[in-house]
PDB file of N, CA and C in Angstrom:
ATOM      1  N   MET A   1       0.853  -1.183   0.000  1.00  0.00           N
ATOM      2  CA  MET A   1       0.000   0.000   0.000  1.00  0.00           C
ATOM      3  C   MET A   1       0.898   1.245   0.000  1.00  0.00           C
ATOM      4  N   THR A   2       0.752   2.058  -0.998  1.00  0.00           N
ATOM      5  CA  THR A   2       1.595   3.232  -1.162  1.00  0.00           C
ATOM      6  C   THR A   2       1.410   4.235  -0.026  1.00  0.00           C
ATOM      7  N   ALA A   3       0.181   4.506   0.377  1.00  0.00           N
ATOM      8  CA  ALA A   3      -0.073   5.495   1.433  1.00  0.00           C
ATOM      9  C   ALA A   3       0.620   5.093   2.736  1.00  0.00           C
ATOM     10  N   LEU A   4       0.583   3.822   3.059  1.00  0.00           N
ATOM     11  CA  LEU A   4       1.235   3.341   4.284  1.00  0.00           C
ATOM     12  C   LEU A   4       2.744   3.558   4.217  1.00  0.00           C
ATOM     13  N   ARG A   5       3.337   3.264   3.079  1.00  0.00           N
ATOM     14  CA  ARG A   5       4.783   3.458   2.928  1.00  0.00           C
ATOM     15  C   ARG A   5       5.163   4.932   2.998  1.00  0.00           C
ATOM     16  N   ILE A   6       4.366   5.776   2.374  1.00  0.00           N
ATOM     17  CA  ILE A   6       4.641   7.216   2.409  1.00  0.00           C
ATOM     18  C   ILE A   6       4.516   7.728   3.838  1.00  0.00           C
ATOM     19  N   ALA A   7       3.472   7.319   4.538  1.00  0.00           N
ATOM     20  CA  ALA A   7       3.287   7.752   5.929  1.00  0.00           C
ATOM     21  C   ALA A   7       4.451   7.283   6.795  1.00  0.00           C
ATOM     22  N   ALA A   8       4.885   6.040   6.604  1.00  0.00           N
ATOM     23  CA  ALA A   8       6.016   5.512   7.381  1.00  0.00           C
ATOM     24  C   ALA A   8       7.294   6.284   7.069  1.00  0.00           C
ATOM     25  N   LEU A   9       7.517   6.603   5.804  1.00  0.00           N
ATOM     26  CA  LEU A   9       8.691   7.387   5.423  1.00  0.00           C
ATOM     27  C   LEU A   9       8.649   8.776   6.049  1.00  0.00           C
ATOM     28  N   PHE A  10       7.491   9.420   6.018  1.00  0.00           N
ATOM     29  CA  PHE A  10       7.364  10.744   6.618  1.00  0.00           C
ATOM     30  C   PHE A  10       7.591  10.675   8.129  1.00  0.00           C
ATOM     31  N   GLY A  11       7.083   9.628   8.782  1.00  0.00           N
ATOM     32  CA  GLY A  11       7.318   9.460  10.220  1.00  0.00           C
ATOM     33  C   GLY A  11       8.788   9.254  10.527  1.00  0.00           C
ATOM     34  N   PHE A  12       9.444   8.408   9.745  1.00  0.00           N
ATOM     35  CA  PHE A  12      10.877   8.172   9.909  1.00  0.00           C
ATOM     36  C   PHE A  12      11.646   9.481   9.777  1.00  0.00           C
ATOM     37  N   LEU A  13      11.349  10.239   8.721  1.00  0.00           N
ATOM     38  CA  LEU A  13      12.046  11.509   8.496  1.00  0.00           C
ATOM     39  C   LEU A  13      11.772  12.516   9.610  1.00  0.00           C
ATOM     40  N   ALA A  14      10.558  12.512  10.138  1.00  0.00           N
ATOM     41  CA  ALA A  14      10.231  13.437  11.232  1.00  0.00           C
ATOM     42  C   ALA A  14      11.109  13.169  12.448  1.00  0.00           C
ATOM     43  N   VAL A  15      11.245  11.915  12.801  1.00  0.00           N
ATOM     44  CA  VAL A  15      12.077  11.556  13.952  1.00  0.00           C
ATOM     45  C   VAL A  15      13.551  11.840  13.658  1.00  0.00           C
ATOM     46  N   ALA A  16      14.014  11.439  12.476  1.00  0.00           N
ATOM     47  CA  ALA A  16      15.420  11.642  12.121  1.00  0.00           C
ATOM     48  C   ALA A  16      15.776  13.126  12.067  1.00  0.00           C
ATOM     49  N   LEU A  17      14.925  13.934  11.434  1.00  0.00           N
ATOM     50  CA  LEU A  17      15.212  15.370  11.333  1.00  0.00           C
ATOM     51  C   LEU A  17      15.081  16.064  12.683  1.00  0.00           C
ATOM     52  N   GLY A  18      14.131  15.624  13.494  1.00  0.00           N
ATOM     53  CA  GLY A  18      14.022  16.188  14.835  1.00  0.00           C
ATOM     54  C   GLY A  18      15.281  15.936  15.650  1.00  0.00           C
ATOM     55  N   ALA A  19      15.779  14.705  15.597  1.00  0.00           N
ATOM     56  CA  ALA A  19      16.999  14.360  16.332  1.00  0.00           C
ATOM     57  C   ALA A  19      18.220  15.069  15.745  1.00  0.00           C
ATOM     58  N   PHE A  20      18.294  15.141  14.425  1.00  0.00           N
ATOM     59  CA  PHE A  20      19.420  15.808  13.775  1.00  0.00           C
ATOM     60  C   PHE A  20      19.457  17.288  14.146  1.00  0.00           C
ATOM     61  N   GLY A  21      18.286  17.914  14.192  1.00  0.00           N
ATOM     62  CA  GLY A  21      18.228  19.322  14.588  1.00  0.00           C
ATOM     63  C   GLY A  21      18.641  19.530  16.033  1.00  0.00           C
ATOM     64  N   ALA A  22      18.209  18.619  16.897  1.00  0.00           N
ATOM     65  CA  ALA A  22      18.517  18.754  18.324  1.00  0.00           C
ATOM     66  C   ALA A  22      19.976  18.473  18.642  1.00  0.00           C
ATOM     67  N   HIS A  23      20.611  17.633  17.844  1.00  0.00           N
ATOM     68  CA  HIS A  23      21.986  17.240  18.164  1.00  0.00           C
ATOM     69  C   HIS A  23      22.995  17.733  17.129  1.00  0.00           C
ATOM     70  N   GLY A  24      22.856  17.293  15.892  1.00  0.00           N
ATOM     71  CA  GLY A  24      23.849  17.614  14.877  1.00  0.00           C
ATOM     72  C   GLY A  24      23.844  19.054  14.409  1.00  0.00           C
ATOM     73  N   LEU A  25      22.668  19.657  14.369  1.00  0.00           N
ATOM     74  CA  LEU A  25      22.569  21.030  13.851  1.00  0.00           C
ATOM     75  C   LEU A  25      22.424  22.088  14.936  1.00  0.00           C
ATOM     76  N   HIS A  26      22.379  21.688  16.178  1.00  0.00           N
ATOM     77  CA  HIS A  26      22.084  22.654  17.241  1.00  0.00           C
ATOM     78  C   HIS A  26      22.987  23.884  17.223  1.00  0.00           C
ATOM     79  N   PRO A  27      24.305  23.743  17.027  1.00  0.00           N
ATOM     80  CA  PRO A  27      25.145  24.954  16.986  1.00  0.00           C
ATOM     81  C   PRO A  27      24.749  25.916  15.856  1.00  0.00           C
ATOM     82  N   THR A  28      24.454  25.375  14.688  1.00  0.00           N
ATOM     83  CA  THR A  28      24.041  26.217  13.558  1.00  0.00           C
ATOM     84  C   THR A  28      22.699  26.868  13.835  1.00  0.00           C
ATOM     85  N   LEU A  29      21.762  26.087  14.330  1.00  0.00           N
ATOM     86  CA  LEU A  29      20.424  26.619  14.616  1.00  0.00           C
ATOM     87  C   LEU A  29      20.486  27.680  15.707  1.00  0.00           C
ATOM     88  N   ALA A  30      21.302  27.454  16.714  1.00  0.00           N
ATOM     89  CA  ALA A  30      21.447  28.439  17.789  1.00  0.00           C
ATOM     90  C   ALA A  30      22.099  29.713  17.268  1.00  0.00           C
ATOM     91  N   ALA A  31      23.106  29.566  16.417  1.00  0.00           N
ATOM     92  CA  ALA A  31      23.779  30.744  15.856  1.00  0.00           C
ATOM     93  C   ALA A  31      22.833  31.565  14.991  1.00  0.00           C
ATOM     94  N   ASN A  32      21.910  30.885  14.292  1.00  0.00           N
ATOM     95  CA  ASN A  32      20.925  31.571  13.451  1.00  0.00           C
ATOM     96  C   ASN A  32      19.688  31.998  14.233  1.00  0.00           C
ATOM     97  N   ASN A  33      19.657  31.672  15.533  1.00  0.00           N
ATOM     98  CA  ASN A  33      18.488  31.935  16.373  1.00  0.00           C
ATOM     99  C   ASN A  33      17.243  31.262  15.784  1.00  0.00           C
ATOM    100  N   ARG A  34      17.410  30.014  15.321  1.00  0.00           N
ATOM    101  CA  ARG A  34      16.336  29.302  14.634  1.00  0.00           C
ATOM    102  C   ARG A  34      16.000  27.950  15.266  1.00  0.00           C
ATOM    103  N   VAL A  35      16.378  27.730  16.516  1.00  0.00           N
ATOM    104  CA  VAL A  35      16.059  26.463  17.178  1.00  0.00           C
ATOM    105  C   VAL A  35      14.547  26.258  17.210  1.00  0.00           C
ATOM    106  N   ALA A  36      13.804  27.269  17.619  1.00  0.00           N
ATOM    107  CA  ALA A  36      12.342  27.155  17.712  1.00  0.00           C
ATOM    108  C   ALA A  36      11.711  26.945  16.342  1.00  0.00           C
ATOM    109  N   THR A  37      12.287  27.541  15.311  1.00  0.00           N
ATOM    110  CA  THR A  37      11.756  27.371  13.954  1.00  0.00           C
ATOM    111  C   THR A  37      11.893  25.913  13.523  1.00  0.00           C
ATOM    112  N   TRP A  38      13.072  25.327  13.743  1.00  0.00           N
ATOM    113  CA  TRP A  38      13.294  23.908  13.414  1.00  0.00           C
ATOM    114  C   TRP A  38      12.333  23.028  14.213  1.00  0.00           C
ATOM    115  N   GLU A  39      12.197  23.319  15.506  1.00  0.00           N
ATOM    116  CA  GLU A  39      11.312  22.519  16.360  1.00  0.00           C
ATOM    117  C   GLU A  39       9.867  22.587  15.883  1.00  0.00           C
ATOM    118  N   THR A  40       9.424  23.755  15.429  1.00  0.00           N
ATOM    119  CA  THR A  40       8.060  23.876  14.904  1.00  0.00           C
ATOM    120  C   THR A  40       7.894  23.006  13.661  1.00  0.00           C
ATOM    121  N   GLY A  41       8.869  23.051  12.762  1.00  0.00           N
ATOM    122  CA  GLY A  41       8.807  22.203  11.572  1.00  0.00           C
ATOM    123  C   GLY A  41       8.752  20.732  11.925  1.00  0.00           C
ATOM    124  N   ALA A  42       9.591  20.307  12.862  1.00  0.00           N
ATOM    125  CA  ALA A  42       9.632  18.902  13.267  1.00  0.00           C
ATOM    126  C   ALA A  42       8.336  18.490  13.967  1.00  0.00           C
ATOM    127  N   HIS A  43       7.785  19.384  14.777  1.00  0.00           N
ATOM    128  CA  HIS A  43       6.541  19.112  15.497  1.00  0.00           C
ATOM    129  C   HIS A  43       5.390  18.869  14.511  1.00  0.00           C
ATOM    130  N   TYR A  44       5.186  19.798  13.592  1.00  0.00           N
ATOM    131  CA  TYR A  44       4.120  19.646  12.602  1.00  0.00           C
ATOM    132  C   TYR A  44       4.375  18.434  11.700  1.00  0.00           C
ATOM    133  N   HIS A  45       5.620  18.187  11.371  1.00  0.00           N
ATOM    134  CA  HIS A  45       5.996  17.044  10.547  1.00  0.00           C
ATOM    135  C   HIS A  45       5.559  15.742  11.221  1.00  0.00           C
ATOM    136  N   LEU A  46       5.904  15.591  12.495  1.00  0.00           N
ATOM    137  CA  LEU A  46       5.584  14.359  13.206  1.00  0.00           C
ATOM    138  C   LEU A  46       4.081  14.189  13.401  1.00  0.00           C
ATOM    139  N   ILE A  47       3.396  15.241  13.811  1.00  0.00           N
ATOM    140  CA  ILE A  47       1.950  15.140  14.032  1.00  0.00           C
ATOM    141  C   ILE A  47       1.236  14.710  12.757  1.00  0.00           C
ATOM    142  N   HIS A  48       1.583  15.345  11.655  1.00  0.00           N
ATOM    143  CA  HIS A  48       0.875  15.031  10.418  1.00  0.00           C
ATOM    144  C   HIS A  48       1.316  13.690   9.823  1.00  0.00           C
ATOM    145  N   SER A  49       2.494  13.227  10.174  1.00  0.00           N
ATOM    146  CA  SER A  49       2.895  11.874   9.777  1.00  0.00           C
ATOM    147  C   SER A  49       2.000  10.845  10.462  1.00  0.00           C
ATOM    148  N   VAL A  50       1.680  11.074  11.716  1.00  0.00           N
ATOM    149  CA  VAL A  50       0.789  10.173  12.451  1.00  0.00           C
ATOM    150  C   VAL A  50      -0.612  10.211  11.839  1.00  0.00           C
ATOM    151  N   VAL A  51      -1.087  11.394  11.469  1.00  0.00           N
ATOM    152  CA  VAL A  51      -2.396  11.509  10.822  1.00  0.00           C
ATOM    153  C   VAL A  51      -2.390  10.749   9.496  1.00  0.00           C
ATOM    154  N   MET A  52      -1.319  10.903   8.730  1.00  0.00           N
ATOM    155  CA  MET A  52      -1.214  10.190   7.459  1.00  0.00           C
ATOM    156  C   MET A  52      -1.206   8.677   7.689  1.00  0.00           C
ATOM    157  N   LEU A  53      -0.533   8.231   8.733  1.00  0.00           N
ATOM    158  CA  LEU A  53      -0.513   6.814   9.065  1.00  0.00           C
ATOM    159  C   LEU A  53      -1.915   6.326   9.424  1.00  0.00           C
ATOM    160  N   ALA A  54      -2.640   7.110  10.210  1.00  0.00           N
ATOM    161  CA  ALA A  54      -4.005   6.732  10.586  1.00  0.00           C
ATOM    162  C   ALA A  54      -4.898   6.619   9.353  1.00  0.00           C
ATOM    163  N   ILE A  55      -4.755   7.555   8.434  1.00  0.00           N
ATOM    164  CA  ILE A  55      -5.535   7.494   7.193  1.00  0.00           C
ATOM    165  C   ILE A  55      -5.174   6.222   6.420  1.00  0.00           C
ATOM    166  N   ALA A  56      -3.889   5.976   6.267  1.00  0.00           N
ATOM    167  CA  ALA A  56      -3.445   4.807   5.507  1.00  0.00           C
ATOM    168  C   ALA A  56      -3.957   3.509   6.128  1.00  0.00           C
ATOM    169  N   LEU A  57      -3.921   3.414   7.445  1.00  0.00           N
ATOM    170  CA  LEU A  57      -4.373   2.199   8.119  1.00  0.00           C
ATOM    171  C   LEU A  57      -5.889   2.034   8.059  1.00  0.00           C
ATOM    172  N   ALA A  58      -6.623   3.128   7.923  1.00  0.00           N
ATOM    173  CA  ALA A  58      -8.079   3.072   7.873  1.00  0.00           C
ATOM    174  C   ALA A  58      -8.605   2.688   6.490  1.00  0.00           C
ATOM    175  N   LEU A  59      -7.745   2.707   5.488  1.00  0.00           N
ATOM    176  CA  LEU A  59      -8.181   2.426   4.120  1.00  0.00           C
ATOM    177  C   LEU A  59      -8.207   0.930   3.841  1.00  0.00           C
ATOM    178  N   PRO A  60      -9.266   0.474   3.171  1.00  0.00           N
ATOM    179  CA  PRO A  60      -9.214  -0.912   2.670  1.00  0.00           C
ATOM    180  C   PRO A  60      -8.078  -1.029   1.657  1.00  0.00           C
ATOM    181  N   ALA A  61      -7.520  -2.192   1.515  1.00  0.00           N
ATOM    182  CA  ALA A  61      -6.350  -2.396   0.662  1.00  0.00           C
ATOM    183  C   ALA A  61      -6.555  -1.906  -0.763  1.00  0.00           C
ATOM    184  N   GLU A  62      -7.762  -2.054  -1.293  1.00  0.00           N
ATOM    185  CA  GLU A  62      -8.005  -1.695  -2.693  1.00  0.00           C
ATOM    186  C   GLU A  62      -8.489  -0.256  -2.866  1.00  0.00           C
ATOM    187  N   ALA A  63      -8.646   0.469  -1.781  1.00  0.00           N
ATOM    188  CA  ALA A  63      -9.196   1.830  -1.856  1.00  0.00           C
ATOM    189  C   ALA A  63      -8.171   2.820  -2.411  1.00  0.00           C
ATOM    190  N   ALA A  64      -8.689   3.805  -3.097  1.00  0.00           N
ATOM    191  CA  ALA A  64      -7.837   4.908  -3.559  1.00  0.00           C
ATOM    192  C   ALA A  64      -7.453   5.758  -2.355  1.00  0.00           C
ATOM    193  N   THR A  65      -6.266   6.322  -2.396  1.00  0.00           N
ATOM    194  CA  THR A  65      -5.816   7.189  -1.309  1.00  0.00           C
ATOM    195  C   THR A  65      -6.595   8.494  -1.379  1.00  0.00           C
ATOM    196  N   PRO A  66      -7.221   8.894  -0.263  1.00  0.00           N
ATOM    197  CA  PRO A  66      -8.064  10.101  -0.293  1.00  0.00           C
ATOM    198  C   PRO A  66      -7.250  11.377  -0.528  1.00  0.00           C
ATOM    199  N   LEU A  67      -7.924  12.358  -1.089  1.00  0.00           N
ATOM    200  CA  LEU A  67      -7.301  13.633  -1.407  1.00  0.00           C
ATOM    201  C   LEU A  67      -6.699  14.286  -0.159  1.00  0.00           C
ATOM    202  N   ALA A  68      -7.341  14.130   0.981  1.00  0.00           N
ATOM    203  CA  ALA A  68      -6.823  14.714   2.224  1.00  0.00           C
ATOM    204  C   ALA A  68      -5.399  14.252   2.492  1.00  0.00           C
ATOM    205  N   PHE A  69      -5.126  12.981   2.262  1.00  0.00           N
ATOM    206  CA  PHE A  69      -3.791  12.430   2.475  1.00  0.00           C
ATOM    207  C   PHE A  69      -2.761  13.198   1.656  1.00  0.00           C
ATOM    208  N   TRP A  70      -3.073  13.444   0.385  1.00  0.00           N
ATOM    209  CA  TRP A  70      -2.126  14.122  -0.501  1.00  0.00           C
ATOM    210  C   TRP A  70      -1.939  15.581  -0.117  1.00  0.00           C
ATOM    211  N   PHE A  71      -2.984  16.200   0.443  1.00  0.00           N
ATOM    212  CA  PHE A  71      -2.808  17.561   0.947  1.00  0.00           C
ATOM    213  C   PHE A  71      -1.900  17.559   2.180  1.00  0.00           C
ATOM    214  N   PHE A  72      -1.986  16.525   3.004  1.00  0.00           N
ATOM    215  CA  PHE A  72      -1.063  16.418   4.138  1.00  0.00           C
ATOM    216  C   PHE A  72       0.373  16.210   3.651  1.00  0.00           C
ATOM    217  N   VAL A  73       0.555  15.390   2.624  1.00  0.00           N
ATOM    218  CA  VAL A  73       1.891  15.192   2.052  1.00  0.00           C
ATOM    219  C   VAL A  73       2.451  16.532   1.576  1.00  0.00           C
ATOM    220  N   ALA A  74       1.669  17.250   0.787  1.00  0.00           N
ATOM    221  CA  ALA A  74       2.118  18.551   0.275  1.00  0.00           C
ATOM    222  C   ALA A  74       2.348  19.534   1.415  1.00  0.00           C
ATOM    223  N   GLY A  75       1.446  19.547   2.376  1.00  0.00           N
ATOM    224  CA  GLY A  75       1.558  20.484   3.494  1.00  0.00           C
ATOM    225  C   GLY A  75       2.807  20.266   4.320  1.00  0.00           C
ATOM    226  N   VAL A  76       3.079  19.024   4.663  1.00  0.00           N
ATOM    227  CA  VAL A  76       4.284  18.726   5.451  1.00  0.00           C
ATOM    228  C   VAL A  76       5.536  19.074   4.651  1.00  0.00           C
ATOM    229  N   THR A  77       5.532  18.697   3.389  1.00  0.00           N
ATOM    230  CA  THR A  77       6.698  18.960   2.548  1.00  0.00           C
ATOM    231  C   THR A  77       6.984  20.453   2.462  1.00  0.00           C
ATOM    232  N   ILE A  78       5.946  21.239   2.217  1.00  0.00           N
ATOM    233  CA  ILE A  78       6.141  22.683   2.053  1.00  0.00           C
ATOM    234  C   ILE A  78       6.309  23.382   3.397  1.00  0.00           C
ATOM    235  N   PHE A  79       5.415  23.125   4.357  1.00  0.00           N
ATOM    236  CA  PHE A  79       5.466  23.812   5.649  1.00  0.00           C
ATOM    237  C   PHE A  79       6.747  23.471   6.400  1.00  0.00           C
ATOM    238  N   SER A  80       6.921  22.193   6.693  1.00  0.00           N
ATOM    239  CA  SER A  80       8.103  21.792   7.469  1.00  0.00           C
ATOM    240  C   SER A  80       9.378  21.954   6.654  1.00  0.00           C
ATOM    241  N   GLY A  81       9.310  21.617   5.374  1.00  0.00           N
ATOM    242  CA  GLY A  81      10.493  21.737   4.524  1.00  0.00           C
ATOM    243  C   GLY A  81      11.047  23.152   4.476  1.00  0.00           C
ATOM    244  N   THR A  82      10.169  24.131   4.310  1.00  0.00           N
ATOM    245  CA  THR A  82      10.657  25.510   4.265  1.00  0.00           C
ATOM    246  C   THR A  82      11.171  25.965   5.626  1.00  0.00           C
ATOM    247  N   LEU A  83      10.566  25.481   6.703  1.00  0.00           N
ATOM    248  CA  LEU A  83      11.085  25.835   8.027  1.00  0.00           C
ATOM    249  C   LEU A  83      12.458  25.213   8.260  1.00  0.00           C
ATOM    250  N   TYR A  84      12.665  23.986   7.796  1.00  0.00           N
ATOM    251  CA  TYR A  84      13.981  23.365   7.917  1.00  0.00           C
ATOM    252  C   TYR A  84      15.021  24.166   7.131  1.00  0.00           C
ATOM    253  N   ILE A  85      14.683  24.513   5.894  1.00  0.00           N
ATOM    254  CA  ILE A  85      15.627  25.267   5.057  1.00  0.00           C
ATOM    255  C   ILE A  85      15.896  26.644   5.657  1.00  0.00           C
ATOM    256  N   LEU A  86      14.854  27.315   6.101  1.00  0.00           N
ATOM    257  CA  LEU A  86      15.003  28.632   6.740  1.00  0.00           C
ATOM    258  C   LEU A  86      15.920  28.540   7.958  1.00  0.00           C
ATOM    259  N   SER A  87      15.746  27.496   8.742  1.00  0.00           N
ATOM    260  CA  SER A  87      16.542  27.332   9.962  1.00  0.00           C
ATOM    261  C   SER A  87      18.027  27.180   9.677  1.00  0.00           C
ATOM    262  N   VAL A  88      18.352  26.455   8.631  1.00  0.00           N
ATOM    263  CA  VAL A  88      19.749  26.182   8.314  1.00  0.00           C
ATOM    264  C   VAL A  88      20.394  27.336   7.549  1.00  0.00           C
ATOM    265  N   THR A  89      19.643  27.906   6.606  1.00  0.00           N
ATOM    266  CA  THR A  89      20.229  28.950   5.748  1.00  0.00           C
ATOM    267  C   THR A  89      20.067  30.350   6.323  1.00  0.00           C
ATOM    268  N   ASN A  90      19.061  30.539   7.171  1.00  0.00           N
ATOM    269  CA  ASN A  90      18.710  31.847   7.728  1.00  0.00           C
ATOM    270  C   ASN A  90      18.337  32.853   6.625  1.00  0.00           C
ATOM    271  N   VAL A  91      17.849  32.328   5.494  1.00  0.00           N
ATOM    272  CA  VAL A  91      17.373  33.161   4.381  1.00  0.00           C
ATOM    273  C   VAL A  91      15.878  33.360   4.582  1.00  0.00           C
ATOM    274  N   GLY A  92      15.512  34.583   4.953  1.00  0.00           N
ATOM    275  CA  GLY A  92      14.165  34.876   5.406  1.00  0.00           C
ATOM    276  C   GLY A  92      13.040  34.649   4.420  1.00  0.00           C
ATOM    277  N   TRP A  93      13.307  34.748   3.110  1.00  0.00           N
ATOM    278  CA  TRP A  93      12.191  34.612   2.171  1.00  0.00           C
ATOM    279  C   TRP A  93      11.602  33.209   2.157  1.00  0.00           C
ATOM    280  N   TRP A  94      12.323  32.218   2.684  1.00  0.00           N
ATOM    281  CA  TRP A  94      11.723  30.878   2.800  1.00  0.00           C
ATOM    282  C   TRP A  94      10.477  30.915   3.673  1.00  0.00           C
ATOM    283  N   GLY A  95      10.490  31.814   4.655  1.00  0.00           N
ATOM    284  CA  GLY A  95       9.332  31.950   5.534  1.00  0.00           C
ATOM    285  C   GLY A  95       8.088  32.440   4.814  1.00  0.00           C
ATOM    286  N   ALA A  96       8.258  33.089   3.669  1.00  0.00           N
ATOM    287  CA  ALA A  96       7.111  33.550   2.893  1.00  0.00           C
ATOM    288  C   ALA A  96       6.405  32.400   2.181  1.00  0.00           C
ATOM    289  N   ILE A  97       7.101  31.288   1.983  1.00  0.00           N
ATOM    290  CA  ILE A  97       6.515  30.124   1.314  1.00  0.00           C
ATOM    291  C   ILE A  97       5.798  29.216   2.323  1.00  0.00           C
ATOM    292  N   THR A  98       6.248  29.245   3.555  1.00  0.00           N
ATOM    293  CA  THR A  98       5.726  28.368   4.604  1.00  0.00           C
ATOM    294  C   THR A  98       4.205  28.367   4.702  1.00  0.00           C
ATOM    295  N   PRO A  99       3.530  29.535   4.642  1.00  0.00           N
ATOM    296  CA  PRO A  99       2.064  29.523   4.761  1.00  0.00           C
ATOM    297  C   PRO A  99       1.344  28.717   3.681  1.00  0.00           C
ATOM    298  N   ILE A 100       1.965  28.542   2.523  1.00  0.00           N
ATOM    299  CA  ILE A 100       1.346  27.697   1.488  1.00  0.00           C
ATOM    300  C   ILE A 100       1.194  26.274   2.025  1.00  0.00           C
ATOM    301  N   GLY A 101       2.223  25.808   2.706  1.00  0.00           N
ATOM    302  CA  GLY A 101       2.149  24.489   3.332  1.00  0.00           C
ATOM    303  C   GLY A 101       1.095  24.441   4.418  1.00  0.00           C
ATOM    304  N   GLY A 102       0.988  25.521   5.193  1.00  0.00           N
ATOM    305  CA  GLY A 102      -0.040  25.579   6.232  1.00  0.00           C
ATOM    306  C   GLY A 102      -1.437  25.513   5.646  1.00  0.00           C
ATOM    307  N   VAL A 103      -1.635  26.172   4.522  1.00  0.00           N
ATOM    308  CA  VAL A 103      -2.942  26.121   3.849  1.00  0.00           C
ATOM    309  C   VAL A 103      -3.224  24.695   3.365  1.00  0.00           C
ATOM    310  N   CYS A 104      -2.219  24.017   2.839  1.00  0.00           N
ATOM    311  CA  CYS A 104      -2.402  22.621   2.420  1.00  0.00           C
ATOM    312  C   CYS A 104      -2.810  21.743   3.607  1.00  0.00           C
ATOM    313  N   LEU A 105      -2.185  21.965   4.756  1.00  0.00           N
ATOM    314  CA  LEU A 105      -2.556  21.200   5.955  1.00  0.00           C
ATOM    315  C   LEU A 105      -3.997  21.495   6.356  1.00  0.00           C
ATOM    316  N   LEU A 106      -4.387  22.757   6.309  1.00  0.00           N
ATOM    317  CA  LEU A 106      -5.771  23.126   6.633  1.00  0.00           C
ATOM    318  C   LEU A 106      -6.763  22.485   5.664  1.00  0.00           C
ATOM    319  N   ILE A 107      -6.424  22.474   4.393  1.00  0.00           N
ATOM    320  CA  ILE A 107      -7.299  21.837   3.400  1.00  0.00           C
ATOM    321  C   ILE A 107      -7.417  20.342   3.696  1.00  0.00           C
ATOM    322  N   GLY A 108      -6.306  19.710   4.046  1.00  0.00           N
ATOM    323  CA  GLY A 108      -6.353  18.294   4.412  1.00  0.00           C
ATOM    324  C   GLY A 108      -7.309  18.038   5.560  1.00  0.00           C
ATOM    325  N   TRP A 109      -7.227  18.864   6.603  1.00  0.00           N
ATOM    326  CA  TRP A 109      -8.138  18.717   7.741  1.00  0.00           C
ATOM    327  C   TRP A 109      -9.583  18.979   7.336  1.00  0.00           C
ATOM    328  N   ALA A 110      -9.815  20.006   6.517  1.00  0.00           N
ATOM    329  CA  ALA A 110     -11.178  20.317   6.071  1.00  0.00           C
ATOM    330  C   ALA A 110     -11.754  19.169   5.236  1.00  0.00           C
ATOM    331  N   LEU A 111     -10.934  18.594   4.368  1.00  0.00           N
ATOM    332  CA  LEU A 111     -11.396  17.454   3.579  1.00  0.00           C
ATOM    333  C   LEU A 111     -11.760  16.272   4.473  1.00  0.00           C
ATOM    334  N   LEU A 112     -10.967  16.023   5.496  1.00  0.00           N
ATOM    335  CA  LEU A 112     -11.318  14.946   6.431  1.00  0.00           C
ATOM    336  C   LEU A 112     -12.621  15.251   7.143  1.00  0.00           C
ATOM    337  N   ALA A 113     -12.809  16.510   7.533  1.00  0.00           N
ATOM    338  CA  ALA A 113     -14.019  16.887   8.267  1.00  0.00           C
ATOM    339  C   ALA A 113     -15.273  16.762   7.405  1.00  0.00           C
ATOM    340  N   PHE A 114     -15.175  17.144   6.150  1.00  0.00           N
ATOM    341  CA  PHE A 114     -16.364  17.211   5.305  1.00  0.00           C
ATOM    342  C   PHE A 114     -16.549  16.012   4.384  1.00  0.00           C
ATOM    343  N   ARG A 115     -15.466  15.317   4.050  1.00  0.00           N
ATOM    344  CA  ARG A 115     -15.578  14.192   3.125  1.00  0.00           C
ATOM    345  C   ARG A 115     -15.156  12.871   3.730  1.00  0.00           C
ATOM    346  N   GLY A 116     -14.500  12.925   4.879  1.00  0.00           N
ATOM    347  CA  GLY A 116     -14.004  11.687   5.470  1.00  0.00           C
ATOM    348  C   GLY A 116     -12.938  11.052   4.604  1.00  0.00           C
ATOM    349  N   LEU A 117     -12.995   9.770   4.435  1.00  0.00           N
ATOM    350  CA  LEU A 117     -12.000   9.050   3.647  1.00  0.00           C
ATOM    351  C   LEU A 117     -12.498   8.742   2.235  1.00  0.00           C
ATOM    352  N   LYS A 118     -13.493   9.475   1.787  1.00  0.00           N
ATOM    353  CA  LYS A 118     -14.018   9.262   0.419  1.00  0.00           C
ATOM    354  C   LYS A 118     -13.051   9.737  -0.617  1.00  0.00           C
TER     355      LYS A 118
END
């Protein structure tokens, strides 16, 4: 099942990037004053990975992956991804892209609320 594998990969990356930020990148993040920014990206990444896993596990094997799942994929990639890049590079315009990911996450939640797993 593709959705299950994607959710597992996103969960793995959330844990790995969270640990890497806390240990391997901490001096860089502290120098850029971006520790909290990285932590926010990792937090949203992990939470939405769990949501994606729940969606994947709730689907019958032959079911199509719901649109909400793909909005969560896009949202995590854009929201957390831009926060990770911003944290390391300290290039502020990455923060202007971050809300696009947040909107994708909101759409994913709205689709779950109004359409469920259809």
